[in-house]
Amino acid sequence: SFLVDRSGRYSRSTTPGIACSVRAFMRFLLATGRSKTDLAASVIAPVQRKHERPLRALPWEDVQRLLHSVDRSRPIGLRDHAILLLMSTYGFGAGEVIRLQLDDVDWTAATLQVVRPKTGVAFTLPLLPAIARMLARYVRDGRPPHTTTRHLFVQMRMPFGPLTAAAAVRYILHKHAKVAQL
């Protein structure tokens, strides 16, 4: 009845995790002698079909519509387009984008140094020509002059600090997805 109650309050993807925790607790009770019966097998979670969840990636046509929806005639549009282009080309998450520094772009070697936020693993990617052109245009024409931070992507309002939260990137993505009617 506990899981039935939870399934009414939480999504179908969350409920199996709750059931797993309850099963682990039941095994703990048995192992510590607090229960004489193994109840773990009686905890049943809803099955989630393989393709029941939405896709984690957009079809390429939708990505192109998203990128074309950005108005690149203004500095904020240059920044947003550069962020979305990096995410769609390299598969970056918000955490990787907001951590990028100006020094991570090696224009001479045409490489991009990236650090995974969760693992701290650093790796180098080739700086593709289209990405290099967009980043150069953003740094030259979109990034506010006299910005003190070395972060590549900054807020477009004073004091022009770095984008520090993944929520800022999600907002950019949702804003342009709405414009592109995705």
Foldseek 3Di string as FASTA:
>chain_A
DVLVVVCVVDPLVVSVVVLVVVLVVLVVCCVVVVDVDRCSVVRDGDDDDPPNDDDPDDPPVLLVLLLVLQDPPALVSLLLNLLSVCCVPVVDALVFLLPFFLVQQDPVQQKGWTADPVPRDIDIDGNDPVSVVSLVCSVVPRQDPPQPGRGSAFDPDPPGHGPDDSVVSVVSSVVSSVSSVD
